Amino acid sequence: MPPLILPHPEFSATFAAMNQADLDRLSSGIRDVHDFPKPGIIFKDITTVLSDPELFHLAISGLIETAGDVKIDKVIGIDARGFIFGAALADRIGAGFVPMRKKGKLPWQTIGKAFALEYGEDEIELHKDALHKGENVLLVDDLLATGGTAGAAVELISQLGANLIAVSFFIELEFLNGREKLGDDVRIEALLKY
C-alpha cells in the first residue's frame, strides 16, 4: 500500500487530492433504504461501504485528507457510527481516539451538552480528561444532517480548550442546513454531499 500524502492545510471540501472517480465509487457503494426509520425518509445506509475493504479504506483515506498536513493529537468519534470512522482514522494517522458518547455511557467524570432533536432532546458527553488544552483535534462522524449533535460536540471540545482543526463527515445532507449550527469559525468537511 503506497503512503498517503496529505494536502496543504488550506485544503477545502473540493477534495483536490481525492479525485471524482473515487468519490463516485464511494457514493455508488451507499445503499438507499426507503421509508427508514419512518415513512418518507430515504436512509443512506453506509454498511455497504464498511463491509467492502476497498471502499472502507478509501473512505478513511478521504477523511484523513480533511485534516490537511496538521498533526492531529486526538480524533473524536461521535456515538455511534463516528466510532467506526474515527477509530480507524486515528489508528492510521497515529493519533489517540476519544469516544463522545450519549449521556450515561461513559464510566468516569464527564462534561455534557444537551441538544435539540426533531422530537425532543438528547445529550452527549465527554470525559473531563479526554482532551488537553492546545491539543489538535479532528471531530469525525458519519453524517451531518441537522447539526444538533455536531454543534454540541464542538461546544464540548471548546470547553476543554482543545484546538479543533476540522469537523469531518462521510456524508452531508445539505438540504437540512446542518452547517448553520456549527458556526462560521468551524471548518466543516464532507466527502459526499446530497
Protein backbone atom coordinates (compact mmCIF):
# COMPACT_ATOMS: atom_id res chain seq x y z
CA MET A 1 0.00 0.00 0.00
CA PRO A 2 1.56 3.38 -1.00
CA PRO A 3 1.98 6.04 1.69
CA LEU A 4 -0.78 8.61 1.97
CA ILE A 5 0.34 12.12 1.07
CA LEU A 6 -1.60 14.74 2.97
CA PRO A 7 -2.53 18.01 1.26
CA HIS A 8 -1.88 21.56 2.40
CA PRO A 9 -3.81 22.85 5.49
CA GLU A 10 -5.84 25.20 3.30
CA PHE A 11 -7.42 22.04 1.86
CA SER A 12 -11.13 22.57 1.31
CA ALA A 13 -14.20 20.47 0.70
CA THR A 14 -13.33 20.29 -3.01
CA PHE A 15 -11.11 17.29 -2.20
CA ALA A 16 -8.50 18.06 -4.82
CA ALA A 17 -6.40 15.10 -3.59
CA MET A 18 -9.34 12.70 -3.83
CA ASN A 19 -10.49 12.53 -7.43
CA GLN A 20 -14.07 12.48 -8.63
CA ALA A 21 -13.83 8.84 -9.65
CA ASP A 22 -13.04 7.90 -6.02
CA LEU A 23 -15.93 9.99 -4.73
CA ASP A 24 -18.24 8.40 -7.31
CA ARG A 25 -17.11 4.91 -6.19
CA LEU A 26 -17.90 5.78 -2.58
CA SER A 27 -21.27 7.25 -3.48
CA SER A 28 -22.24 4.23 -5.57
CA GLY A 29 -21.38 1.99 -2.61
CA ILE A 30 -24.08 3.56 -0.44
CA ARG A 31 -27.45 1.86 -0.35
CA ASP A 32 -30.63 3.96 -0.20
CA VAL A 33 -33.25 2.46 2.09
CA HIS A 34 -36.70 3.97 1.57
CA ASP A 35 -39.08 4.65 4.46
CA PHE A 36 -36.49 4.02 7.19
CA PRO A 37 -36.66 4.78 10.06
CA LYS A 38 -40.08 6.21 9.19
CA PRO A 39 -42.21 6.78 6.08
CA GLY A 40 -40.90 9.43 3.69
CA ILE A 41 -37.24 9.14 4.77
CA ILE A 42 -34.54 7.87 2.41
CA PHE A 43 -31.85 6.48 4.71
CA LYS A 44 -28.26 6.48 3.45
CA ASP A 45 -27.03 3.03 4.54
CA ILE A 46 -23.23 3.05 4.87
CA THR A 47 -22.92 -0.59 5.98
CA THR A 48 -22.32 -1.50 2.34
CA VAL A 49 -19.25 0.79 2.29
CA LEU A 50 -17.99 -0.52 5.63
CA SER A 51 -18.22 -4.15 4.51
CA ASP A 52 -16.19 -3.53 1.34
CA PRO A 53 -12.48 -3.34 2.28
CA GLU A 54 -11.53 -1.15 -0.69
CA LEU A 55 -14.37 1.33 -0.16
CA PHE A 56 -13.77 1.47 3.60
CA HIS A 57 -10.06 2.13 3.03
CA LEU A 58 -10.94 4.84 0.51
CA ALA A 59 -13.41 6.48 2.93
CA ILE A 60 -10.81 6.60 5.72
CA SER A 61 -8.20 7.99 3.31
CA GLY A 62 -10.61 10.75 2.29
CA LEU A 63 -11.38 11.62 5.91
CA ILE A 64 -7.66 11.76 6.69
CA GLU A 65 -7.24 14.31 3.90
CA THR A 66 -9.65 16.65 5.67
CA ALA A 67 -7.06 17.31 8.39
CA GLY A 68 -4.61 18.76 5.88
CA ASP A 69 -0.98 18.45 6.94
CA VAL A 70 -1.69 19.43 10.55
CA LYS A 71 -0.53 16.90 13.16
CA ILE A 72 -3.62 15.55 14.88
CA ASP A 73 -3.26 14.55 18.54
CA LYS A 74 -6.77 13.16 19.04
CA VAL A 75 -9.60 12.03 16.81
CA ILE A 76 -13.05 12.23 18.38
CA GLY A 77 -15.78 9.95 17.07
CA ILE A 78 -19.41 10.71 17.86
CA ASP A 79 -21.61 7.86 19.14
CA ALA A 80 -22.11 5.50 17.34
CA ARG A 81 -21.07 5.36 13.67
CA GLY A 82 -18.49 8.08 14.26
CA PHE A 83 -16.66 5.45 16.33
CA ILE A 84 -16.17 3.30 13.24
CA PHE A 85 -14.63 6.05 11.11
CA GLY A 86 -12.86 7.84 13.96
CA ALA A 87 -11.08 4.82 15.43
CA ALA A 88 -9.83 3.61 12.05
CA LEU A 89 -8.68 7.11 11.14
CA ALA A 90 -6.88 7.61 14.49
CA ASP A 91 -5.07 4.30 14.11
CA ARG A 92 -3.97 5.11 10.58
CA ILE A 93 -2.50 8.53 11.49
CA GLY A 94 -1.07 7.56 14.88
CA ALA A 95 -3.42 9.71 16.98
CA GLY A 96 -5.39 8.90 20.11
CA PHE A 97 -9.08 8.09 19.80
CA VAL A 98 -11.74 9.66 22.03
CA PRO A 99 -15.34 8.41 22.05
CA MET A 100 -18.02 11.06 22.53
CA ARG A 101 -21.00 9.16 23.93
CA LYS A 102 -24.65 9.53 24.68
CA LYS A 103 -25.45 10.56 28.26
CA GLY A 104 -24.74 7.96 30.91
CA LYS A 105 -22.50 5.71 28.80
CA LEU A 106 -19.04 6.91 29.90
CA PRO A 107 -17.68 5.44 33.16
CA TRP A 108 -15.81 8.41 34.65
CA GLN A 109 -16.37 12.14 35.27
CA THR A 110 -17.86 13.87 32.25
CA ILE A 111 -18.97 17.16 30.80
CA GLY A 112 -22.14 17.13 28.74
CA LYS A 113 -24.17 19.18 26.33
CA ALA A 114 -27.86 18.81 25.52
CA PHE A 115 -29.14 19.43 22.01
CA ALA A 116 -32.49 19.51 20.26
CA LEU A 117 -33.78 16.65 18.17
CA GLU A 118 -36.70 16.73 15.77
CA TYR A 119 -38.96 15.46 18.56
CA GLY A 120 -37.30 16.14 21.90
CA GLU A 121 -33.81 16.44 23.28
CA ASP A 122 -30.68 14.34 23.73
CA GLU A 123 -27.28 14.83 25.38
CA ILE A 124 -23.72 13.82 24.58
CA GLU A 125 -20.80 13.57 26.98
CA LEU A 126 -17.03 13.57 27.00
CA HIS A 127 -14.65 12.55 29.79
CA LYS A 128 -13.29 15.64 31.57
CA ASP A 129 -9.71 14.47 30.95
CA ALA A 130 -10.19 13.28 27.34
CA LEU A 131 -8.58 16.38 25.82
CA HIS A 132 -5.85 18.72 26.95
CA LYS A 133 -5.61 22.42 26.27
CA GLY A 134 -3.96 23.10 22.91
CA GLU A 135 -4.23 19.56 21.54
CA ASN A 136 -5.12 19.37 17.83
CA VAL A 137 -8.42 17.56 17.42
CA LEU A 138 -10.30 16.21 14.42
CA LEU A 139 -14.00 15.55 15.06
CA VAL A 140 -15.44 12.77 12.88
CA ASP A 141 -18.93 11.44 12.28
CA ASP A 142 -20.70 9.53 9.55
CA LEU A 143 -23.41 12.08 8.79
CA LEU A 144 -24.16 15.79 9.04
CA ALA A 145 -27.92 16.24 8.99
CA THR A 146 -29.49 18.97 11.15
CA GLY A 147 -26.23 19.68 13.01
CA GLY A 148 -27.53 19.35 16.57
CA THR A 149 -25.17 16.59 17.67
CA ALA A 150 -22.13 18.04 15.93
CA GLY A 151 -22.87 21.52 17.29
CA ALA A 152 -22.99 20.15 20.85
CA ALA A 153 -19.74 18.25 20.20
CA VAL A 154 -17.98 21.42 19.03
CA GLU A 155 -19.04 23.18 22.24
CA LEU A 156 -17.67 20.38 24.44
CA ILE A 157 -14.32 20.43 22.62
CA SER A 158 -14.15 24.19 23.12
CA GLN A 159 -14.88 23.83 26.86
CA LEU A 160 -11.80 21.62 27.24
CA GLY A 161 -9.58 24.11 25.39
CA ALA A 162 -8.55 21.84 22.51
CA ASN A 163 -7.76 23.18 19.04
CA LEU A 164 -10.48 21.95 16.66
CA ILE A 165 -8.82 21.51 13.25
CA ALA A 166 -11.96 20.39 11.39
CA VAL A 167 -15.27 18.60 11.70
CA SER A 168 -15.26 15.86 9.08
CA PHE A 169 -18.23 13.86 7.87
CA PHE A 170 -18.51 10.95 5.49
CA ILE A 171 -21.88 12.29 4.26
CA GLU A 172 -23.59 15.68 4.43
CA LEU A 173 -27.30 16.13 3.73
CA GLU A 174 -27.02 19.73 2.53
CA PHE A 175 -30.78 20.37 2.33
CA LEU A 176 -31.02 20.11 6.14
CA ASN A 177 -28.62 23.08 6.66
CA GLY A 178 -26.69 21.43 9.48
CA ARG A 179 -23.63 23.63 8.90
CA GLU A 180 -25.53 26.58 10.37
CA LYS A 181 -25.45 25.02 13.86
CA LEU A 182 -21.67 24.61 13.85
CA GLY A 183 -20.79 28.29 13.48
CA ASP A 184 -18.82 30.29 10.94
CA ASP A 185 -15.45 29.76 12.61
CA VAL A 186 -15.54 25.94 12.33
CA ARG A 187 -14.05 24.27 9.25
CA ILE A 188 -16.54 21.65 8.05
CA GLU A 189 -15.60 18.96 5.53
CA ALA A 190 -17.74 16.26 3.94
CA LEU A 191 -16.67 13.61 1.48
CA LEU A 192 -20.11 13.10 -0.06
CA LYS A 193 -22.90 15.67 -0.30
CA TYR A 194 -26.54 15.02 -1.06
